[in-house]
Amino acid sequence: MKIEDLRRLFLFEGLTDDQLAELLAVAEDRPFVAGEELFYEGDPSECWWVLLEGKVEMVRRAGREEAVVLMTMDRPGVWAGGFQAWDHESGYLATARGATDGRLLRVPAEVLGELATRWFPFGVHLIKGFFQTVRRMDTLSRQRESLIALGGLAAGLAHEINNPASAATRAVDALQDACDTMMTSLVELAENASSAGRFVAIDALRREIDLVGGVVDPMETADREESLSSWLESQGVQNAWDVGAQLAAAGVDLDWCERFAQELDAATIGPGFTWVASTFSSQTLLREMKDSTSRISSLVDMVRSYSQLDRASLQLIDVTDGIDNTLVMLAHKLGDGVTVIRDFGDDVPQIEARPAELNQVWTNLIDNAIDAIGGQGTVRISTRLDHDEVVVEFVDSGPGMPPEVAVRAFEPFFTTKDVGKGTGLGLDISRRIIADRHHGRIEIEGEPGATVLRVCLPVSR
């Protein structure tokens, strides 16, 4: 290629022969054929491409849908790529595919930046300032999106923790009353000279009751409570209805009460039944407190695992662990109308990944699926091994995603949600994490009733 060849292109108007000669010295005349792919969306934009002859299509592919042509380079002098001349983190925005046979001028982006800085220092300062401004705005928007998501997760977590915490608080208050009653009735038994042998006998009867295997049917419990309370009242037991309710909840029947009464006399029958009922109530409350505090501890462990704050960034992980933890974090959004189906493959191996970042992806995809079905429908999450990739699919029963939307879904700031309900950063962040950080890919299939978001991660990095 000669200087005269470049001189004919509108792009190089104003450059001197010496400048064109410098450009030719570092450039490559790159022929291509129809159908050949020259560079790929998401790859680092390491070269600057100038069309010399022919046509090049800039395409994007959404899942398994046919690639959509965004634009066609058909005028000699139009260019693409080279963004790393101004910003080292930039990648190609689309895939370039030859529409006909032709030729391109390819210049390394780093060299282009050096030449432009030497030739047009003021212009380069303007371009870099523009890139930095856009990058800063993008970063601030992502931080805002992260804070919004964090606020939602924090609210959901507070809701999840509040239930067991409130249950534990109520149990503690009730346990105080049960303990006071138990001690008072025990003193009354001692004051009425109950012998040690008799106390051992009534305690043996108490141990016969299996609290774990007690009555669980509410109707049966209510009927038993009424019959026991009436019987206790006929025996002269004070607070018969309170004692009867506690005995019925423990699974006690009338036959047991009659055997228990045989070990008591008129002076001790009231304190005896009150004491044994308070012991049952205390044990039940202690078990409730244990379950509640265990639930709180489990939630804290899941949050720690979700955030990965105390672990190395790159780990050997099971992807299903992160999905389960994410579902716990989003439990407040699931509600009664959302059915989550877990279809995890048994043969899926562990992969080397950054779990905290993958959890962000799972959060975005599950959250979008819940929004897509409007809080009523099914979200199916499956994992499987496909050759040398772990495939994770999120399928929702929503109305589907039109092809024209699926093509743009991963564009920064593109959203179909109402104003104030979305920033369009979720899928863009997810794509960057999967493609740039994990060398995988994320795809969309937008069929009505079965919209599929598919994440493919390499087993070996």
Protein backbone atom coordinates (compact mmCIF):
# COMPACT_ATOMS: atom_id res chain seq x y z
CA MET A 1 0.00 0.00 0.00
CA LYS A 2 1.17 3.49 -0.89
CA ILE A 3 0.63 6.95 0.55
CA GLU A 4 -1.62 7.77 -2.42
CA ASP A 5 -3.98 4.94 -1.40
CA LEU A 6 -4.53 6.52 2.01
CA ARG A 7 -4.74 10.01 0.58
CA ARG A 8 -7.96 9.04 -1.23
CA LEU A 9 -9.72 8.25 2.07
CA PHE A 10 -11.68 11.08 3.71
CA LEU A 11 -10.48 9.90 7.12
CA PHE A 12 -6.91 11.03 6.48
CA GLU A 13 -7.62 14.50 5.13
CA GLY A 14 -5.18 16.97 6.66
CA LEU A 15 -2.38 14.48 7.35
CA THR A 16 0.99 15.17 5.79
CA ASP A 17 2.89 12.69 3.66
CA ASP A 18 5.31 12.11 6.54
CA GLN A 19 2.45 11.32 8.89
CA LEU A 20 0.87 8.93 6.38
CA ALA A 21 4.24 7.28 5.91
CA GLU A 22 4.56 6.78 9.68
CA LEU A 23 1.08 5.28 9.77
CA LEU A 24 1.83 2.89 6.91
CA ALA A 25 5.02 1.78 8.64
CA VAL A 26 3.07 0.40 11.62
CA ALA A 27 -0.08 -0.70 9.78
CA GLU A 28 -1.01 -4.01 8.18
CA ASP A 29 -2.98 -4.44 4.97
CA ARG A 30 -5.43 -7.13 6.11
CA PRO A 31 -7.48 -8.92 3.43
CA PHE A 32 -10.69 -10.71 4.40
CA VAL A 33 -13.30 -12.90 2.75
CA ALA A 34 -17.09 -12.95 3.03
CA GLY A 35 -18.23 -14.61 6.25
CA GLU A 36 -14.87 -14.26 8.02
CA GLU A 37 -15.04 -12.93 11.58
CA LEU A 38 -12.32 -10.34 12.19
CA PHE A 39 -12.77 -9.50 15.86
CA TYR A 40 -15.28 -10.41 18.56
CA GLU A 41 -17.60 -8.53 20.86
CA GLY A 42 -16.18 -8.19 24.36
CA ASP A 43 -12.56 -8.87 23.40
CA PRO A 44 -10.02 -6.15 24.26
CA SER A 45 -10.10 -3.46 21.58
CA GLU A 46 -6.39 -3.81 20.80
CA CYS A 47 -6.50 -2.77 17.11
CA TRP A 48 -7.89 0.03 15.00
CA TRP A 49 -9.56 -1.15 11.77
CA VAL A 50 -10.07 1.10 8.71
CA LEU A 51 -12.07 -0.16 5.74
CA LEU A 52 -10.20 0.00 2.41
CA GLU A 53 -12.39 -2.17 0.17
CA GLY A 54 -15.51 -4.32 0.49
CA LYS A 55 -18.12 -4.46 3.24
CA VAL A 56 -17.99 -5.45 6.90
CA GLU A 57 -21.05 -6.13 9.08
CA MET A 58 -21.04 -5.30 12.79
CA VAL A 59 -23.20 -7.96 14.43
CA ARG A 60 -24.37 -9.07 17.84
CA ARG A 61 -25.74 -12.44 18.81
CA ALA A 62 -28.34 -13.02 21.55
CA GLY A 63 -28.19 -16.61 22.79
CA ARG A 64 -28.94 -18.99 19.95
CA GLU A 65 -30.81 -16.37 17.97
CA GLU A 66 -29.52 -15.44 14.54
CA ALA A 67 -26.91 -12.69 14.70
CA VAL A 68 -28.42 -9.22 14.24
CA VAL A 69 -26.59 -6.70 12.06
CA LEU A 70 -26.21 -3.41 13.92
CA MET A 71 -24.50 -1.54 11.09
CA THR A 72 -22.56 -2.13 7.88
CA MET A 73 -19.17 -0.59 7.10
CA ASP A 74 -19.42 -0.03 3.34
CA ARG A 75 -17.61 3.26 2.73
CA PRO A 76 -13.81 3.24 2.45
CA GLY A 77 -12.39 5.23 5.35
CA VAL A 78 -14.95 4.24 8.01
CA TRP A 79 -13.34 2.63 11.03
CA ALA A 80 -14.00 0.51 14.11
CA GLY A 81 -12.22 -0.42 17.37
CA GLY A 82 -8.95 0.98 18.62
CA PHE A 83 -10.49 2.27 21.84
CA GLN A 84 -7.54 1.06 23.90
CA ALA A 85 -5.58 3.92 22.38
CA TRP A 86 -7.52 6.14 24.80
CA ASP A 87 -8.79 3.75 27.48
CA HIS A 88 -6.98 0.54 28.41
CA GLU A 89 -10.14 -1.20 29.68
CA SER A 90 -12.22 -0.85 26.52
CA GLY A 91 -13.40 -3.78 24.43
CA TYR A 92 -15.03 -4.27 21.06
CA LEU A 93 -18.72 -3.39 21.10
CA ALA A 94 -19.71 -5.89 18.40
CA THR A 95 -18.35 -8.69 16.25
CA ALA A 96 -17.00 -7.76 12.79
CA ARG A 97 -17.91 -10.15 9.97
CA GLY A 98 -17.03 -9.80 6.32
CA ALA A 99 -20.10 -9.22 4.16
CA THR A 100 -18.01 -9.41 0.97
CA ASP A 101 -14.37 -9.93 0.16
CA GLY A 102 -12.28 -6.87 0.92
CA ARG A 103 -9.36 -5.30 2.75
CA LEU A 104 -8.83 -3.51 6.04
CA LEU A 105 -6.02 -1.40 7.43
CA ARG A 106 -5.15 -2.73 10.89
CA VAL A 107 -3.14 -0.58 13.32
CA PRO A 108 -2.30 -1.57 16.93
CA ALA A 109 -4.26 0.66 19.29
CA GLU A 110 -1.23 1.40 21.43
CA VAL A 111 0.73 2.64 18.42
CA LEU A 112 -2.26 4.68 17.23
CA GLY A 113 -2.38 6.39 20.60
CA GLU A 114 1.32 7.25 20.46
CA LEU A 115 1.06 8.71 16.94
CA ALA A 116 -2.08 10.70 17.73
CA THR A 117 -0.50 12.11 20.91
CA ARG A 118 2.50 13.28 18.95
CA TRP A 119 0.49 14.69 16.02
CA PHE A 120 -2.57 16.13 17.80
CA PRO A 121 -1.83 16.50 21.54
CA PHE A 122 -4.77 18.80 22.18
CA GLY A 123 -7.22 16.52 20.37
CA VAL A 124 -5.95 13.49 22.30
CA HIS A 125 -6.46 15.33 25.59
CA LEU A 126 -10.07 16.00 24.57
CA ILE A 127 -10.65 12.35 23.58
CA LYS A 128 -9.13 10.99 26.78
CA GLY A 129 -11.13 13.48 28.83
CA PHE A 130 -14.28 12.28 27.10
CA PHE A 131 -13.45 8.63 27.80
CA GLN A 132 -12.63 9.40 31.44
CA THR A 133 -15.90 11.30 31.88
CA VAL A 134 -17.93 8.47 30.41
CA ARG A 135 -16.02 5.92 32.49
CA ARG A 136 -16.57 7.96 35.66
CA MET A 137 -20.29 8.30 34.96
CA ASP A 138 -20.48 4.59 34.25
CA THR A 139 -18.69 3.79 37.52
CA LEU A 140 -20.96 6.08 39.53
CA SER A 141 -24.04 4.51 37.94
CA ARG A 142 -22.77 1.04 38.75
CA GLN A 143 -22.07 2.06 42.33
CA ARG A 144 -25.57 3.46 42.62
CA GLU A 145 -27.02 0.25 41.20
CA SER A 146 -24.96 -1.77 43.68
CA LEU A 147 -26.13 0.39 46.58
CA ILE A 148 -29.76 0.02 45.51
CA ALA A 149 -29.33 -3.75 45.26
CA LEU A 150 -27.54 -3.82 48.61
CA GLY A 151 -30.34 -1.84 50.21
CA GLY A 152 -32.90 -4.31 48.89
CA LEU A 153 -30.88 -7.28 50.12
CA ALA A 154 -30.39 -5.65 53.52
CA ALA A 155 -34.13 -5.04 53.84
CA GLY A 156 -34.85 -8.63 52.85
CA LEU A 157 -32.27 -9.95 55.29
CA ALA A 158 -33.70 -7.82 58.10
CA HIS A 159 -37.13 -9.25 57.32
CA GLU A 160 -35.79 -12.81 57.35
CA ILE A 161 -33.92 -12.30 60.64
CA ASN A 162 -36.79 -10.44 62.28
CA ASN A 163 -39.10 -13.48 62.27
CA PRO A 164 -36.85 -15.87 64.25
CA ALA A 165 -35.59 -12.99 66.43
CA SER A 166 -39.16 -12.04 67.37
CA ALA A 167 -40.00 -15.69 68.03
CA ALA A 168 -36.98 -16.01 70.33
CA THR A 169 -37.97 -12.83 72.20
CA ARG A 170 -41.52 -14.06 72.72
CA ALA A 171 -40.21 -17.44 73.89
CA VAL A 172 -37.89 -15.79 76.44
CA ASP A 173 -40.77 -13.77 77.93
CA ALA A 174 -43.01 -16.84 78.11
CA LEU A 175 -40.17 -18.93 79.55
CA GLN A 176 -39.81 -16.50 82.45
CA ASP A 177 -43.47 -17.00 83.36
CA ALA A 178 -43.21 -20.78 82.94
CA CYS A 179 -40.15 -20.95 85.21
CA ASP A 180 -41.85 -18.83 87.89
CA THR A 181 -44.91 -21.09 87.78
CA MET A 182 -42.77 -24.23 87.89
CA MET A 183 -40.85 -23.04 90.97
CA THR A 184 -44.03 -21.92 92.77
CA SER A 185 -45.80 -25.24 92.17
CA LEU A 186 -42.70 -27.17 93.22
CA VAL A 187 -42.63 -25.29 96.54
CA GLU A 188 -46.32 -26.08 97.06
CA LEU A 189 -45.62 -29.78 96.46
CA ALA A 190 -42.84 -29.69 99.06
CA GLU A 191 -44.99 -27.79 101.56
CA ASN A 192 -47.69 -30.45 101.32
CA ALA A 193 -45.14 -33.09 102.37
CA SER A 194 -45.03 -35.02 99.11
CA SER A 195 -42.68 -37.93 99.73
CA ALA A 196 -39.56 -38.49 97.70
CA GLY A 197 -40.95 -41.77 96.35
CA ARG A 198 -44.12 -40.10 95.17
CA PHE A 199 -42.18 -37.31 93.48
CA VAL A 200 -40.03 -39.90 91.70
CA ALA A 201 -43.21 -41.63 90.52
CA ILE A 202 -44.80 -38.48 89.09
CA ASP A 203 -41.51 -37.48 87.48
CA ALA A 204 -41.36 -40.93 85.80
CA LEU A 205 -44.83 -40.29 84.40
CA ARG A 206 -43.66 -36.90 83.16
CA ARG A 207 -40.77 -38.53 81.31
CA GLU A 208 -43.20 -40.78 79.42
CA ILE A 209 -44.40 -37.82 77.36
CA ASP A 210 -42.53 -37.41 74.06
CA LEU A 211 -42.74 -33.70 73.33
CA VAL A 212 -41.25 -34.07 69.86
CA GLY A 213 -43.85 -36.65 68.90
CA GLY A 214 -46.77 -34.75 70.48
CA VAL A 215 -50.05 -33.89 68.84
CA VAL A 216 -49.60 -31.71 65.77
CA ASP A 217 -53.11 -31.65 64.27
CA PRO A 218 -54.74 -28.35 65.38
CA MET A 219 -58.27 -29.74 65.48
CA GLU A 220 -57.23 -32.74 67.56
CA THR A 221 -55.26 -30.47 69.88
CA ALA A 222 -58.28 -28.18 70.37
CA ASP A 223 -60.58 -31.12 71.16
CA ARG A 224 -58.05 -32.59 73.58
CA GLU A 225 -57.53 -29.21 75.26
CA GLU A 226 -61.27 -28.89 75.91
CA SER A 227 -61.63 -32.39 77.36
CA LEU A 228 -58.51 -32.09 79.55
CA SER A 229 -59.48 -28.66 80.86
CA SER A 230 -62.95 -29.89 81.77
CA TRP A 231 -61.53 -32.92 83.57
CA LEU A 232 -58.94 -30.81 85.46
CA GLU A 233 -61.65 -28.37 86.49
CA SER A 234 -63.70 -31.24 87.89
CA GLN A 235 -60.65 -32.29 89.91
CA GLY A 236 -60.41 -28.86 91.52
CA VAL A 237 -57.25 -27.73 89.68
CA GLN A 238 -56.92 -23.95 89.60
CA ASN A 239 -56.24 -22.35 86.20
CA ALA A 240 -57.52 -25.59 84.69
CA TRP A 241 -57.88 -24.10 81.22
CA ASP A 242 -54.28 -22.80 81.15
CA VAL A 243 -52.92 -26.09 82.46
CA GLY A 244 -55.10 -28.07 80.06
CA ALA A 245 -53.84 -26.06 77.08
CA GLN A 246 -50.21 -26.76 78.04
CA LEU A 247 -50.87 -30.48 78.54
CA ALA A 248 -52.76 -30.76 75.24
CA ALA A 249 -49.91 -29.03 73.37
CA ALA A 250 -47.54 -31.64 74.83
CA GLY A 251 -49.70 -34.49 73.54
CA VAL A 252 -51.06 -35.63 76.92
CA ASP A 253 -54.32 -37.63 76.91
CA LEU A 254 -56.97 -38.23 79.56
CA ASP A 255 -55.69 -41.72 80.41
CA TRP A 256 -52.26 -40.30 81.33
CA CYS A 257 -53.89 -37.62 83.50
CA GLU A 258 -55.84 -40.24 85.44
CA ARG A 259 -52.69 -42.26 86.10
CA PHE A 260 -50.88 -39.08 87.13
CA ALA A 261 -53.70 -38.16 89.53
CA GLN A 262 -53.42 -41.55 91.26
CA GLU A 263 -49.96 -40.54 92.55
CA LEU A 264 -51.37 -37.35 94.13
CA ASP A 265 -53.82 -36.47 96.84
CA ALA A 266 -56.31 -33.66 97.21
CA ALA A 267 -53.67 -31.25 98.53
CA THR A 268 -51.11 -31.91 95.81
CA ILE A 269 -53.22 -32.55 92.70
CA GLY A 270 -53.32 -28.84 91.78
CA PRO A 271 -49.62 -28.10 92.32
CA GLY A 272 -48.72 -31.45 90.71
CA PHE A 273 -50.52 -30.80 87.44
CA THR A 274 -49.38 -27.17 87.40
CA TRP A 275 -45.76 -28.25 87.90
CA VAL A 276 -45.78 -30.91 85.18
CA ALA A 277 -47.55 -28.56 82.71
CA SER A 278 -44.97 -25.82 83.34
CA THR A 279 -42.11 -28.28 82.71
CA PHE A 280 -43.65 -29.26 79.37
CA SER A 281 -44.13 -25.60 78.49
CA SER A 282 -40.52 -24.78 79.46
CA GLN A 283 -39.12 -27.55 77.29
CA THR A 284 -41.25 -26.46 74.34
CA LEU A 285 -40.16 -22.85 74.71
CA LEU A 286 -36.50 -23.85 74.98
CA ARG A 287 -36.80 -25.88 71.78
CA GLU A 288 -38.46 -22.90 70.06
CA MET A 289 -35.62 -20.63 71.19
CA LYS A 290 -33.05 -23.13 69.93
CA ASP A 291 -34.75 -23.32 66.53
CA SER A 292 -35.02 -19.52 66.28
CA THR A 293 -31.41 -18.82 67.23
CA SER A 294 -30.21 -21.62 64.94
CA ARG A 295 -32.15 -20.00 62.09
CA ILE A 296 -30.51 -16.63 62.83
CA SER A 297 -27.06 -18.26 62.94
CA SER A 298 -27.79 -20.04 59.65
CA LEU A 299 -28.82 -16.75 58.00
CA VAL A 300 -25.63 -15.07 59.20
CA ASP A 301 -23.54 -17.93 57.81
CA MET A 302 -25.34 -17.67 54.47
CA VAL A 303 -24.73 -13.91 54.32
CA ARG A 304 -21.05 -14.48 55.06
CA SER A 305 -20.90 -17.11 52.33
CA TYR A 306 -22.83 -14.86 49.92
CA SER A 307 -20.56 -11.85 50.47
CA GLN A 308 -17.32 -13.91 50.59
CA LEU A 309 -15.74 -11.13 52.66
CA ASP A 310 -13.63 -13.51 54.72
CA ARG A 311 -12.42 -15.69 51.84
CA ALA A 312 -10.00 -15.56 48.94
CA SER A 313 -11.34 -13.98 45.76
CA LEU A 314 -10.49 -17.00 43.57
CA GLN A 315 -11.71 -20.33 44.91
CA LEU A 316 -12.70 -23.85 43.92
CA ILE A 317 -16.48 -23.74 44.33
CA ASP A 318 -19.76 -25.55 43.76
CA VAL A 319 -21.98 -23.13 41.82
CA THR A 320 -25.12 -24.47 43.51
CA ASP A 321 -23.94 -23.20 46.91
CA GLY A 322 -23.91 -19.62 45.65
CA ILE A 323 -27.34 -20.04 44.02
CA ASP A 324 -28.85 -21.39 47.25
CA ASN A 325 -27.35 -18.52 49.26
CA THR A 326 -28.68 -16.00 46.75
CA LEU A 327 -32.19 -17.47 46.98
CA VAL A 328 -32.03 -17.00 50.74
CA MET A 329 -31.00 -13.36 50.27
CA LEU A 330 -33.91 -12.82 47.84
CA ALA A 331 -36.48 -14.76 49.87
CA HIS A 332 -38.38 -11.55 50.64
CA LYS A 333 -39.05 -11.07 46.89
CA LEU A 334 -40.23 -14.60 46.18
CA GLY A 335 -43.52 -14.44 48.04
CA ASP A 336 -46.25 -17.09 47.90
CA GLY A 337 -46.86 -16.68 44.18
CA VAL A 338 -43.36 -17.62 43.01
CA THR A 339 -42.39 -21.28 42.71
CA VAL A 340 -38.66 -21.97 42.52
CA ILE A 341 -37.67 -25.31 41.00
CA ARG A 342 -34.12 -26.49 41.64
CA ASP A 343 -32.85 -28.92 39.02
CA PHE A 344 -29.19 -29.35 39.92
CA GLY A 345 -27.17 -32.00 38.11
CA ASP A 346 -25.35 -34.60 40.19
CA ASP A 347 -22.37 -34.73 37.83
CA VAL A 348 -21.54 -31.00 37.90
CA PRO A 349 -17.93 -30.58 39.05
CA GLN A 350 -16.46 -27.77 41.09
CA ILE A 351 -14.95 -24.89 39.14
CA GLU A 352 -12.35 -22.26 39.87
CA ALA A 353 -14.16 -18.94 40.11
CA ARG A 354 -14.72 -15.73 42.05
CA PRO A 355 -17.81 -16.66 44.09
CA ALA A 356 -18.62 -13.14 45.31
CA GLU A 357 -18.83 -11.94 41.70
CA LEU A 358 -20.84 -14.96 40.58
CA ASN A 359 -23.29 -14.31 43.42
CA GLN A 360 -23.80 -10.85 41.96
CA VAL A 361 -24.65 -12.48 38.63
CA TRP A 362 -27.09 -14.94 40.26
CA THR A 363 -28.71 -12.02 42.11
CA ASN A 364 -29.24 -10.05 38.90
CA LEU A 365 -30.61 -13.01 36.94
CA ILE A 366 -32.96 -14.28 39.66
CA ASP A 367 -34.18 -10.75 40.39
CA ASN A 368 -34.90 -10.18 36.68
CA ALA A 369 -36.74 -13.52 36.47
CA ILE A 370 -38.96 -12.58 39.44
CA ASP A 371 -39.73 -9.22 37.83
CA ALA A 372 -40.49 -10.91 34.50
CA ILE A 373 -43.22 -13.11 36.00
CA GLY A 374 -44.67 -10.25 38.04
CA GLY A 375 -44.50 -12.18 41.30
CA GLN A 376 -46.74 -14.98 39.95
CA GLY A 377 -45.21 -17.95 38.17
CA THR A 378 -42.31 -20.35 38.08
CA VAL A 379 -38.55 -19.85 38.06
CA ARG A 380 -36.57 -22.99 37.25
CA ILE A 381 -32.85 -23.04 37.99
CA SER A 382 -30.83 -25.90 36.56
CA THR A 383 -27.17 -26.87 36.36
CA ARG A 384 -25.52 -29.44 34.13
CA LEU A 385 -22.17 -30.43 32.68
CA ASP A 386 -21.86 -29.92 28.93
CA HIS A 387 -18.50 -31.18 27.67
CA ASP A 388 -15.93 -28.84 29.27
CA GLU A 389 -18.45 -26.27 30.55
CA VAL A 390 -20.76 -25.94 33.54
CA VAL A 391 -24.09 -24.62 32.26
CA VAL A 392 -26.44 -22.75 34.60
CA GLU A 393 -29.90 -21.89 33.26
CA PHE A 394 -32.53 -19.56 34.71
CA VAL A 395 -35.92 -20.13 33.08
CA ASP A 396 -38.97 -18.02 33.94
CA SER A 397 -42.59 -18.48 32.88
CA GLY A 398 -43.02 -14.82 31.93
CA PRO A 399 -44.20 -13.36 28.61
CA GLY A 400 -40.81 -13.78 26.92
CA MET A 401 -38.26 -11.40 25.46
CA PRO A 402 -38.62 -10.17 21.84
CA PRO A 403 -35.52 -10.68 19.63
CA GLU A 404 -34.99 -6.95 19.24
CA VAL A 405 -34.86 -6.61 23.04
CA ALA A 406 -32.67 -9.70 23.53
CA VAL A 407 -30.09 -8.26 21.13
CA ARG A 408 -29.73 -5.11 23.22
CA ALA A 409 -30.18 -6.71 26.65
CA PHE A 410 -26.48 -6.57 27.50
CA GLU A 411 -25.98 -2.95 26.44
CA PRO A 412 -25.09 -0.58 29.29
CA PHE A 413 -28.11 1.39 30.55
CA PHE A 414 -30.58 -0.43 28.28
CA THR A 415 -33.70 -1.40 30.22
CA THR A 416 -37.33 -2.24 29.53
CA LYS A 417 -38.45 -1.43 33.07
CA ASP A 418 -40.44 1.64 34.00
CA VAL A 419 -38.66 4.82 35.00
CA GLY A 420 -37.19 4.47 38.46
CA LYS A 421 -37.33 0.67 38.46
CA GLY A 422 -34.19 -0.16 36.54
CA THR A 423 -30.89 1.33 35.40
CA GLY A 424 -30.00 -1.25 32.76
CA LEU A 425 -26.78 -2.21 34.54
CA GLY A 426 -27.70 -5.66 35.82
CA LEU A 427 -27.17 -7.68 32.65
CA ASP A 428 -24.25 -5.51 31.54
CA ILE A 429 -22.48 -6.18 34.86
CA SER A 430 -23.35 -9.87 34.59
CA ARG A 431 -21.92 -10.09 31.08
CA ARG A 432 -18.68 -8.42 32.15
CA ILE A 433 -18.27 -10.73 35.13
CA ILE A 434 -18.93 -13.88 33.11
CA ALA A 435 -17.02 -12.93 29.94
CA ASP A 436 -14.16 -10.78 31.22
CA ARG A 437 -13.56 -12.25 34.67
CA HIS A 438 -14.44 -15.92 34.12
CA HIS A 439 -13.85 -16.41 30.37
CA GLY A 440 -17.36 -17.75 29.93
CA ARG A 441 -20.44 -16.50 28.12
CA ILE A 442 -24.03 -15.56 28.86
CA GLU A 443 -26.89 -16.10 26.41
CA ILE A 444 -30.59 -15.32 26.09
CA GLU A 445 -33.45 -17.27 24.53
CA GLY A 446 -36.64 -15.28 24.73
CA GLU A 447 -39.50 -17.69 23.98
CA PRO A 448 -42.88 -16.80 25.57
CA GLY A 449 -43.45 -18.80 28.73
CA ALA A 450 -39.85 -19.97 28.88
CA THR A 451 -37.32 -17.14 28.77
CA VAL A 452 -33.88 -18.68 29.28
CA LEU A 453 -30.81 -16.90 30.64
CA ARG A 454 -27.93 -19.31 30.16
CA VAL A 455 -24.52 -18.93 31.80
CA CYS A 456 -21.69 -21.13 30.55
CA LEU A 457 -18.54 -21.33 32.67
CA PRO A 458 -15.38 -23.27 31.75
CA VAL A 459 -14.58 -26.18 34.05
CA SER A 460 -10.88 -25.47 33.70
CA ARG A 461 -9.41 -21.98 33.47
